[in-house]
């Protein structure tokens, strides 16, 4: 299970919910339609479904975190300074 086409197909399964759903419904057929070798298609038939879904969710969460806008240093410092100068600390 080390061919480039297999790795590319696994990446697609991790990132494409429709492809993953189609694969889980018909692993052998989808692997064959993806052009994988018989050995790779056979190996994929033993894939852990729960593990595949869990990994896909984890990767989706990581991608979502990278899409969030980062707070600027200025905003972080002004927020910190405003909290530091709260009325409770002026006594």
PDB file of N, CA and C in Angstrom:
ATOM      1  N   UNK A   1       0.826  -1.196   0.000  1.00  0.00           N
ATOM      2  CA  UNK A   1       0.000   0.000   0.000  1.00  0.00           C
ATOM      3  C   UNK A   1       0.868   1.256   0.000  1.00  0.00           C
ATOM      4  N   UNK A   2       1.735   1.401  -0.973  1.00  0.00           N
ATOM      5  CA  UNK A   2       2.576   2.573  -0.979  1.00  0.00           C
ATOM      6  C   UNK A   2       2.572   3.294  -2.318  1.00  0.00           C
ATOM      7  N   UNK A   3       1.682   2.940  -3.203  1.00  0.00           N
ATOM      8  CA  UNK A   3       1.682   3.581  -4.513  1.00  0.00           C
ATOM      9  C   UNK A   3       1.177   5.017  -4.410  1.00  0.00           C
ATOM     10  N   UNK A   4       1.640   5.831  -5.318  1.00  0.00           N
ATOM     11  CA  UNK A   4       1.263   7.243  -5.348  1.00  0.00           C
ATOM     12  C   UNK A   4      -0.243   7.380  -5.579  1.00  0.00           C
ATOM     13  N   UNK A   5      -0.785   6.571  -6.462  1.00  0.00           N
ATOM     14  CA  UNK A   5      -2.223   6.663  -6.741  1.00  0.00           C
ATOM     15  C   UNK A   5      -3.052   6.283  -5.510  1.00  0.00           C
ATOM     16  N   UNK A   6      -2.584   5.334  -4.732  1.00  0.00           N
ATOM     17  CA  UNK A   6      -3.293   4.949  -3.515  1.00  0.00           C
ATOM     18  C   UNK A   6      -3.256   6.098  -2.507  1.00  0.00           C
ATOM     19  N   UNK A   7      -2.092   6.706  -2.347  1.00  0.00           N
ATOM     20  CA  UNK A   7      -1.970   7.819  -1.407  1.00  0.00           C
ATOM     21  C   UNK A   7      -2.854   8.992  -1.819  1.00  0.00           C
ATOM     22  N   UNK A   8      -2.906   9.265  -3.116  1.00  0.00           N
ATOM     23  CA  UNK A   8      -3.757  10.349  -3.617  1.00  0.00           C
ATOM     24  C   UNK A   8      -5.229  10.018  -3.379  1.00  0.00           C
ATOM     25  N   UNK A   9      -5.599   8.774  -3.576  1.00  0.00           N
ATOM     26  CA  UNK A   9      -6.989   8.374  -3.357  1.00  0.00           C
ATOM     27  C   UNK A   9      -7.349   8.453  -1.872  1.00  0.00           C
ATOM     28  N   UNK A  10      -6.449   8.045  -1.007  1.00  0.00           N
ATOM     29  CA  UNK A  10      -6.698   8.157   0.438  1.00  0.00           C
ATOM     30  C   UNK A  10      -6.866   9.619   0.843  1.00  0.00           C
ATOM     31  N   UNK A  11      -6.049  10.500   0.281  1.00  0.00           N
ATOM     32  CA  UNK A  11      -6.181  11.930   0.576  1.00  0.00           C
ATOM     33  C   UNK A  11      -7.556  12.425   0.145  1.00  0.00           C
ATOM     34  N   UNK A  12      -8.017  11.941  -0.980  1.00  0.00           N
ATOM     35  CA  UNK A  12      -9.359  12.325  -1.454  1.00  0.00           C
ATOM     36  C   UNK A  12     -10.432  11.805  -0.500  1.00  0.00           C
ATOM     37  N   UNK A  13     -10.268  10.580  -0.020  1.00  0.00           N
ATOM     38  CA  UNK A  13     -11.247  10.029   0.919  1.00  0.00           C
ATOM     39  C   UNK A  13     -11.283  10.836   2.219  1.00  0.00           C
ATOM     40  N   UNK A  14     -10.131  11.328   2.642  1.00  0.00           N
ATOM     41  CA  UNK A  14     -10.074  12.112   3.875  1.00  0.00           C
ATOM     42  C   UNK A  14     -10.705  13.491   3.708  1.00  0.00           C
ATOM     43  N   UNK A  15     -10.677  14.041   2.495  1.00  0.00           N
ATOM     44  CA  UNK A  15     -11.096  15.425   2.305  1.00  0.00           C
ATOM     45  C   UNK A  15     -12.418  15.603   1.566  1.00  0.00           C
ATOM     46  N   UNK A  16     -12.907  14.580   0.920  1.00  0.00           N
ATOM     47  CA  UNK A  16     -14.123  14.688   0.106  1.00  0.00           C
ATOM     48  C   UNK A  16     -15.205  13.787   0.683  1.00  0.00           C
ATOM     49  N   UNK A  17     -16.203  14.395   1.316  1.00  0.00           N
ATOM     50  CA  UNK A  17     -17.256  13.622   1.995  1.00  0.00           C
ATOM     51  C   UNK A  17     -18.042  12.751   1.020  1.00  0.00           C
ATOM     52  N   UNK A  18     -18.306  13.250  -0.174  1.00  0.00           N
ATOM     53  CA  UNK A  18     -19.062  12.466  -1.166  1.00  0.00           C
ATOM     54  C   UNK A  18     -18.251  11.252  -1.618  1.00  0.00           C
ATOM     55  N   UNK A  19     -16.968  11.467  -1.894  1.00  0.00           N
ATOM     56  CA  UNK A  19     -16.114  10.342  -2.295  1.00  0.00           C
ATOM     57  C   UNK A  19     -16.023   9.312  -1.177  1.00  0.00           C
ATOM     58  N   UNK A  20     -15.932   9.792   0.049  1.00  0.00           N
ATOM     59  CA  UNK A  20     -15.849   8.879   1.201  1.00  0.00           C
ATOM     60  C   UNK A  20     -17.148   8.081   1.338  1.00  0.00           C
ATOM     61  N   UNK A  21     -18.278   8.745   1.200  1.00  0.00           N
ATOM     62  CA  UNK A  21     -19.571   8.072   1.308  1.00  0.00           C
ATOM     63  C   UNK A  21     -19.730   7.020   0.203  1.00  0.00           C
ATOM     64  N   UNK A  22     -19.343   7.376  -1.016  1.00  0.00           N
ATOM     65  CA  UNK A  22     -19.422   6.427  -2.137  1.00  0.00           C
ATOM     66  C   UNK A  22     -18.499   5.239  -1.907  1.00  0.00           C
ATOM     67  N   UNK A  23     -17.296   5.507  -1.400  1.00  0.00           N
ATOM     68  CA  UNK A  23     -16.347   4.427  -1.135  1.00  0.00           C
ATOM     69  C   UNK A  23     -16.886   3.486  -0.066  1.00  0.00           C
ATOM     70  N   UNK A  24     -17.421   4.034   1.003  1.00  0.00           N
ATOM     71  CA  UNK A  24     -17.916   3.186   2.086  1.00  0.00           C
ATOM     72  C   UNK A  24     -19.117   2.345   1.649  1.00  0.00           C
ATOM     73  N   UNK A  25     -19.866   2.839   0.674  1.00  0.00           N
ATOM     74  CA  UNK A  25     -21.003   2.073   0.161  1.00  0.00           C
ATOM     75  C   UNK A  25     -20.551   0.938  -0.761  1.00  0.00           C
ATOM     76  N   UNK A  26     -19.435   1.157  -1.491  1.00  0.00           N
ATOM     77  CA  UNK A  26     -18.937   0.152  -2.440  1.00  0.00           C
ATOM     78  C   UNK A  26     -17.414   0.259  -2.555  1.00  0.00           C
ATOM     79  N   UNK A  27     -16.682  -0.241  -1.548  1.00  0.00           N
ATOM     80  CA  UNK A  27     -15.224  -0.073  -1.553  1.00  0.00           C
ATOM     81  C   UNK A  27     -14.536  -0.631  -2.800  1.00  0.00           C
ATOM     82  N   UNK A  28     -14.884  -1.833  -3.187  1.00  0.00           N
ATOM     83  CA  UNK A  28     -14.217  -2.447  -4.336  1.00  0.00           C
ATOM     84  C   UNK A  28     -14.516  -1.681  -5.621  1.00  0.00           C
ATOM     85  N   UNK A  29     -15.763  -1.344  -5.821  1.00  0.00           N
ATOM     86  CA  UNK A  29     -16.161  -0.626  -7.039  1.00  0.00           C
ATOM     87  C   UNK A  29     -15.529   0.750  -7.134  1.00  0.00           C
ATOM     88  N   UNK A  30     -15.540   1.484  -6.043  1.00  0.00           N
ATOM     89  CA  UNK A  30     -14.969   2.836  -6.049  1.00  0.00           C
ATOM     90  C   UNK A  30     -13.456   2.801  -6.231  1.00  0.00           C
ATOM     91  N   UNK A  31     -12.796   1.844  -5.618  1.00  0.00           N
ATOM     92  CA  UNK A  31     -11.346   1.721  -5.779  1.00  0.00           C
ATOM     93  C   UNK A  31     -11.002   1.380  -7.228  1.00  0.00           C
ATOM     94  N   UNK A  32     -11.802   0.525  -7.819  1.00  0.00           N
ATOM     95  CA  UNK A  32     -11.577   0.159  -9.216  1.00  0.00           C
ATOM     96  C   UNK A  32     -11.832   1.365 -10.131  1.00  0.00           C
ATOM     97  N   UNK A  33     -12.908   2.107  -9.876  1.00  0.00           N
ATOM     98  CA  UNK A  33     -13.202   3.297 -10.676  1.00  0.00           C
ATOM     99  C   UNK A  33     -12.124   4.373 -10.513  1.00  0.00           C
ATOM    100  N   UNK A  34     -11.451   4.372  -9.378  1.00  0.00           N
ATOM    101  CA  UNK A  34     -10.369   5.333  -9.141  1.00  0.00           C
ATOM    102  C   UNK A  34      -9.084   4.919  -9.852  1.00  0.00           C
ATOM    103  N   UNK A  35      -9.086   3.723 -10.446  1.00  0.00           N
ATOM    104  CA  UNK A  35      -7.927   3.262 -11.197  1.00  0.00           C
ATOM    105  C   UNK A  35      -6.834   2.638 -10.351  1.00  0.00           C
ATOM    106  N   UNK A  36      -7.177   2.194  -9.151  1.00  0.00           N
ATOM    107  CA  UNK A  36      -6.175   1.566  -8.283  1.00  0.00           C
ATOM    108  C   UNK A  36      -5.890   0.150  -8.755  1.00  0.00           C
ATOM    109  N   UNK A  37      -4.713  -0.315  -8.427  1.00  0.00           N
ATOM    110  CA  UNK A  37      -4.340  -1.692  -8.774  1.00  0.00           C
ATOM    111  C   UNK A  37      -5.209  -2.652  -7.970  1.00  0.00           C
ATOM    112  N   UNK A  38      -5.243  -3.900  -8.409  1.00  0.00           N
ATOM    113  CA  UNK A  38      -6.029  -4.902  -7.688  1.00  0.00           C
ATOM    114  C   UNK A  38      -5.537  -5.065  -6.249  1.00  0.00           C
ATOM    115  N   UNK A  39      -4.218  -5.011  -6.063  1.00  0.00           N
ATOM    116  CA  UNK A  39      -3.658  -5.166  -4.719  1.00  0.00           C
ATOM    117  C   UNK A  39      -4.058  -4.000  -3.816  1.00  0.00           C
ATOM    118  N   UNK A  40      -3.991  -2.773  -4.353  1.00  0.00           N
ATOM    119  CA  UNK A  40      -4.384  -1.604  -3.564  1.00  0.00           C
ATOM    120  C   UNK A  40      -5.881  -1.617  -3.263  1.00  0.00           C
ATOM    121  N   UNK A  41      -6.677  -1.967  -4.254  1.00  0.00           N
ATOM    122  CA  UNK A  41      -8.126  -2.037  -4.056  1.00  0.00           C
ATOM    123  C   UNK A  41      -8.470  -3.087  -3.011  1.00  0.00           C
ATOM    124  N   UNK A  42      -7.779  -4.211  -3.052  1.00  0.00           N
ATOM    125  CA  UNK A  42      -8.008  -5.273  -2.074  1.00  0.00           C
ATOM    126  C   UNK A  42      -7.624  -4.810  -0.671  1.00  0.00           C
ATOM    127  N   UNK A  43      -6.509  -4.107  -0.565  1.00  0.00           N
ATOM    128  CA  UNK A  43      -6.057  -3.617   0.747  1.00  0.00           C
ATOM    129  C   UNK A  43      -7.046  -2.602   1.320  1.00  0.00           C
ATOM    130  N   UNK A  44      -7.629  -1.785   0.467  1.00  0.00           N
ATOM    131  CA  UNK A  44      -8.583  -0.774   0.943  1.00  0.00           C
ATOM    132  C   UNK A  44      -9.874  -1.386   1.480  1.00  0.00           C
ATOM    133  N   UNK A  45     -10.179  -2.590   1.055  1.00  0.00           N
ATOM    134  CA  UNK A  45     -11.413  -3.220   1.516  1.00  0.00           C
ATOM    135  C   UNK A  45     -11.365  -3.541   3.009  1.00  0.00           C
ATOM    136  N   UNK A  46     -10.174  -3.535   3.582  1.00  0.00           N
ATOM    137  CA  UNK A  46     -10.041  -3.830   5.012  1.00  0.00           C
ATOM    138  C   UNK A  46      -9.900  -2.561   5.853  1.00  0.00           C
ATOM    139  N   UNK A  47     -10.109  -1.412   5.223  1.00  0.00           N
ATOM    140  CA  UNK A  47      -9.928  -0.140   5.932  1.00  0.00           C
ATOM    141  C   UNK A  47     -10.925  -0.036   7.092  1.00  0.00           C
ATOM    142  N   UNK A  48     -10.483   0.550   8.169  1.00  0.00           N
ATOM    143  CA  UNK A  48     -11.316   0.749   9.353  1.00  0.00           C
ATOM    144  C   UNK A  48     -12.252   1.935   9.096  1.00  0.00           C
ATOM    145  N   UNK A  49     -13.535   1.666   8.957  1.00  0.00           N
ATOM    146  CA  UNK A  49     -14.507   2.709   8.624  1.00  0.00           C
ATOM    147  C   UNK A  49     -14.551   3.811   9.686  1.00  0.00           C
ATOM    148  N   UNK A  50     -14.581   3.416  10.943  1.00  0.00           N
ATOM    149  CA  UNK A  50     -14.618   4.416  12.020  1.00  0.00           C
ATOM    150  C   UNK A  50     -13.347   5.255  12.023  1.00  0.00           C
ATOM    151  N   UNK A  51     -12.207   4.621  11.790  1.00  0.00           N
ATOM    152  CA  UNK A  51     -10.947   5.339  11.740  1.00  0.00           C
ATOM    153  C   UNK A  51     -10.891   6.313  10.573  1.00  0.00           C
ATOM    154  N   UNK A  52     -11.421   5.905   9.428  1.00  0.00           N
ATOM    155  CA  UNK A  52     -11.468   6.771   8.255  1.00  0.00           C
ATOM    156  C   UNK A  52     -12.315   8.004   8.544  1.00  0.00           C
ATOM    157  N   UNK A  53     -13.483   7.792   9.132  1.00  0.00           N
ATOM    158  CA  UNK A  53     -14.368   8.925   9.459  1.00  0.00           C
ATOM    159  C   UNK A  53     -13.725   9.838  10.505  1.00  0.00           C
ATOM    160  N   UNK A  54     -13.092   9.248  11.492  1.00  0.00           N
ATOM    161  CA  UNK A  54     -12.472  10.040  12.551  1.00  0.00           C
ATOM    162  C   UNK A  54     -11.306  10.873  11.983  1.00  0.00           C
ATOM    163  N   UNK A  55     -10.492  10.272  11.141  1.00  0.00           N
ATOM    164  CA  UNK A  55      -9.378  11.000  10.533  1.00  0.00           C
ATOM    165  C   UNK A  55      -9.898  12.127   9.644  1.00  0.00           C
ATOM    166  N   UNK A  56     -10.948  11.856   8.883  1.00  0.00           N
ATOM    167  CA  UNK A  56     -11.522  12.887   8.008  1.00  0.00           C
ATOM    168  C   UNK A  56     -12.044  14.063   8.829  1.00  0.00           C
ATOM    169  N   UNK A  57     -12.685  13.776   9.941  1.00  0.00           N
ATOM    170  CA  UNK A  57     -13.183  14.842  10.817  1.00  0.00           C
ATOM    171  C   UNK A  57     -12.027  15.639  11.404  1.00  0.00           C
ATOM    172  N   UNK A  58     -10.996  14.954  11.828  1.00  0.00           N
ATOM    173  CA  UNK A  58      -9.826  15.621  12.393  1.00  0.00           C
ATOM    174  C   UNK A  58      -9.166  16.537  11.359  1.00  0.00           C
ATOM    175  N   UNK A  59      -8.984  16.051  10.129  1.00  0.00           N
ATOM    176  CA  UNK A  59      -8.378  16.864   9.085  1.00  0.00           C
ATOM    177  C   UNK A  59      -9.260  18.068   8.749  1.00  0.00           C
ATOM    178  N   UNK A  60     -10.579  17.873   8.726  1.00  0.00           N
ATOM    179  CA  UNK A  60     -11.494  18.986   8.442  1.00  0.00           C
ATOM    180  C   UNK A  60     -11.381  20.051   9.523  1.00  0.00           C
ATOM    181  N   UNK A  61     -11.279  19.636  10.772  1.00  0.00           N
ATOM    182  CA  UNK A  61     -11.131  20.602  11.873  1.00  0.00           C
ATOM    183  C   UNK A  61      -9.817  21.369  11.748  1.00  0.00           C
ATOM    184  N   UNK A  62      -8.759  20.693  11.386  1.00  0.00           N
ATOM    185  CA  UNK A  62      -7.462  21.361  11.219  1.00  0.00           C
ATOM    186  C   UNK A  62      -7.507  22.357  10.066  1.00  0.00           C
ATOM    187  N   UNK A  63      -8.145  21.974   8.955  1.00  0.00           N
ATOM    188  CA  UNK A  63      -8.258  22.898   7.830  1.00  0.00           C
ATOM    189  C   UNK A  63      -9.084  24.117   8.226  1.00  0.00           C
ATOM    190  N   UNK A  64     -10.143  23.914   9.000  1.00  0.00           N
ATOM    191  CA  UNK A  64     -10.985  25.030   9.435  1.00  0.00           C
ATOM    192  C   UNK A  64     -10.208  25.985  10.334  1.00  0.00           C
ATOM    193  N   UNK A  65      -9.360  25.470  11.175  1.00  0.00           N
ATOM    194  CA  UNK A  65      -8.558  26.329  12.049  1.00  0.00           C
ATOM    195  C   UNK A  65      -7.608  27.202  11.237  1.00  0.00           C
ATOM    196  N   UNK A  66      -7.074  26.672  10.169  1.00  0.00           N
ATOM    197  CA  UNK A  66      -6.141  27.442   9.348  1.00  0.00           C
ATOM    198  C   UNK A  66      -6.851  28.509   8.530  1.00  0.00           C
ATOM    199  N   UNK A  67      -8.160  28.383   8.343  1.00  0.00           N
ATOM    200  CA  UNK A  67      -8.923  29.374   7.588  1.00  0.00           C
ATOM    201  C   UNK A  67      -9.370  30.546   8.449  1.00  0.00           C
ATOM    202  N   UNK A  68      -9.353  30.387   9.764  1.00  0.00           N
ATOM    203  CA  UNK A  68      -9.783  31.475  10.636  1.00  0.00           C
ATOM    204  C   UNK A  68      -8.779  32.620  10.567  1.00  0.00           C
ATOM    205  N   UNK A  69      -9.288  33.847  10.519  1.00  0.00           N
ATOM    206  CA  UNK A  69      -8.341  34.973  10.505  1.00  0.00           C
ATOM    207  C   UNK A  69      -7.615  35.068  11.837  1.00  0.00           C
ATOM    208  N   UNK A  70      -6.351  35.320  11.762  1.00  0.00           N
ATOM    209  CA  UNK A  70      -5.556  35.442  12.988  1.00  0.00           C
ATOM    210  C   UNK A  70      -5.704  36.841  13.550  1.00  0.00           C
ATOM    211  N   UNK A  71      -5.666  36.929  14.854  1.00  0.00           N
ATOM    212  CA  UNK A  71      -5.751  38.203  15.528  1.00  0.00           C
ATOM    213  C   UNK A  71      -4.410  38.936  15.356  1.00  0.00           C
ATOM    214  N   UNK A  72      -4.493  40.224  15.041  1.00  0.00           N
ATOM    215  CA  UNK A  72      -3.258  40.981  14.875  1.00  0.00           C
ATOM    216  C   UNK A  72      -2.601  41.209  16.231  1.00  0.00           C
ATOM    217  N   UNK A  73      -1.332  41.453  16.212  1.00  0.00           N
ATOM    218  CA  UNK A  73      -0.605  41.727  17.447  1.00  0.00           C
ATOM    219  C   UNK A  73      -1.166  42.974  18.113  1.00  0.00           C
ATOM    220  N   UNK A  74      -1.501  43.964  17.316  1.00  0.00           N
ATOM    221  CA  UNK A  74      -2.080  45.197  17.861  1.00  0.00           C
ATOM    222  C   UNK A  74      -3.372  44.906  18.619  1.00  0.00           C
ATOM    223  N   UNK A  75      -4.270  44.139  18.003  1.00  0.00           N
ATOM    224  CA  UNK A  75      -5.538  43.797  18.658  1.00  0.00           C
ATOM    225  C   UNK A  75      -5.314  42.989  19.933  1.00  0.00           C
ATOM    226  N   UNK A  76      -4.365  42.075  19.888  1.00  0.00           N
ATOM    227  CA  UNK A  76      -4.076  41.267  21.073  1.00  0.00           C
ATOM    228  C   UNK A  76      -3.546  42.140  22.201  1.00  0.00           C
ATOM    229  N   UNK A  77      -2.643  43.059  21.879  1.00  0.00           N
ATOM    230  CA  UNK A  77      -2.069  43.922  22.910  1.00  0.00           C
ATOM    231  C   UNK A  77      -3.082  44.928  23.461  1.00  0.00           C
ATOM    232  N   UNK A  78      -3.917  45.494  22.590  1.00  0.00           N
ATOM    233  CA  UNK A  78      -4.909  46.450  23.093  1.00  0.00           C
ATOM    234  C   UNK A  78      -5.942  45.742  23.956  1.00  0.00           C
ATOM    235  N   UNK A  79      -6.301  44.515  23.604  1.00  0.00           N
ATOM    236  CA  UNK A  79      -7.220  43.745  24.444  1.00  0.00           C
ATOM    237  C   UNK A  79      -6.600  43.429  25.792  1.00  0.00           C
ATOM    238  N   UNK A  80      -5.339  43.046  25.768  1.00  0.00           N
ATOM    239  CA  UNK A  80      -4.625  42.748  27.012  1.00  0.00           C
ATOM    240  C   UNK A  80      -4.533  44.006  27.872  1.00  0.00           C
ATOM    241  N   UNK A  81      -4.210  45.141  27.248  1.00  0.00           N
ATOM    242  CA  UNK A  81      -4.060  46.384  27.988  1.00  0.00           C
ATOM    243  C   UNK A  81      -5.404  46.830  28.584  1.00  0.00           C
ATOM    244  N   UNK A  82      -6.481  46.680  27.838  1.00  0.00           N
ATOM    245  CA  UNK A  82      -7.811  47.060  28.335  1.00  0.00           C
ATOM    246  C   UNK A  82      -8.192  46.205  29.533  1.00  0.00           C
ATOM    247  N   UNK A  83      -7.907  44.925  29.489  1.00  0.00           N
ATOM    248  CA  UNK A  83      -8.213  44.029  30.617  1.00  0.00           C
ATOM    249  C   UNK A  83      -7.340  44.356  31.820  1.00  0.00           C
ATOM    250  N   UNK A  84      -6.130  44.780  31.566  1.00  0.00           N
ATOM    251  CA  UNK A  84      -5.192  45.096  32.641  1.00  0.00           C
ATOM    252  C   UNK A  84      -5.599  46.367  33.370  1.00  0.00           C
ATOM    253  N   UNK A  85      -6.211  47.273  32.658  1.00  0.00           N
ATOM    254  CA  UNK A  85      -6.593  48.561  33.230  1.00  0.00           C
ATOM    255  C   UNK A  85      -8.044  48.576  33.712  1.00  0.00           C
ATOM    256  N   UNK A  86      -8.590  47.426  34.034  1.00  0.00           N
ATOM    257  CA  UNK A  86      -9.980  47.365  34.487  1.00  0.00           C
ATOM    258  C   UNK A  86     -10.116  48.096  35.826  1.00  0.00           C
ATOM    259  N   UNK A  87     -11.329  48.607  36.154  1.00  0.00           N
ATOM    260  CA  UNK A  87     -11.542  49.361  37.392  1.00  0.00           C
ATOM    261  C   UNK A  87     -11.125  48.603  38.649  1.00  0.00           C
ATOM    262  N   UNK A  88     -11.216  47.307  38.653  1.00  0.00           N
ATOM    263  CA  UNK A  88     -10.862  46.525  39.854  1.00  0.00           C
ATOM    264  C   UNK A  88      -9.378  46.634  40.166  1.00  0.00           C
ATOM    265  N   UNK A  89      -8.553  46.841  39.148  1.00  0.00           N
ATOM    266  CA  UNK A  89      -7.107  46.881  39.401  1.00  0.00           C
ATOM    267  C   UNK A  89      -6.599  48.292  39.697  1.00  0.00           C
ATOM    268  N   UNK A  90      -7.470  49.323  39.601  1.00  0.00           N
ATOM    269  CA  UNK A  90      -7.039  50.699  39.813  1.00  0.00           C
ATOM    270  C   UNK A  90      -7.053  51.075  41.293  1.00  0.00           C
ATOM    271  N   UNK A  91      -7.524  50.265  42.166  1.00  0.00           N
ATOM    272  CA  UNK A  91      -7.598  50.595  43.601  1.00  0.00           C
ATOM    273  C   UNK A  91      -6.278  50.553  44.258  1.00  0.00           C
TER     274      UNK A  91
END
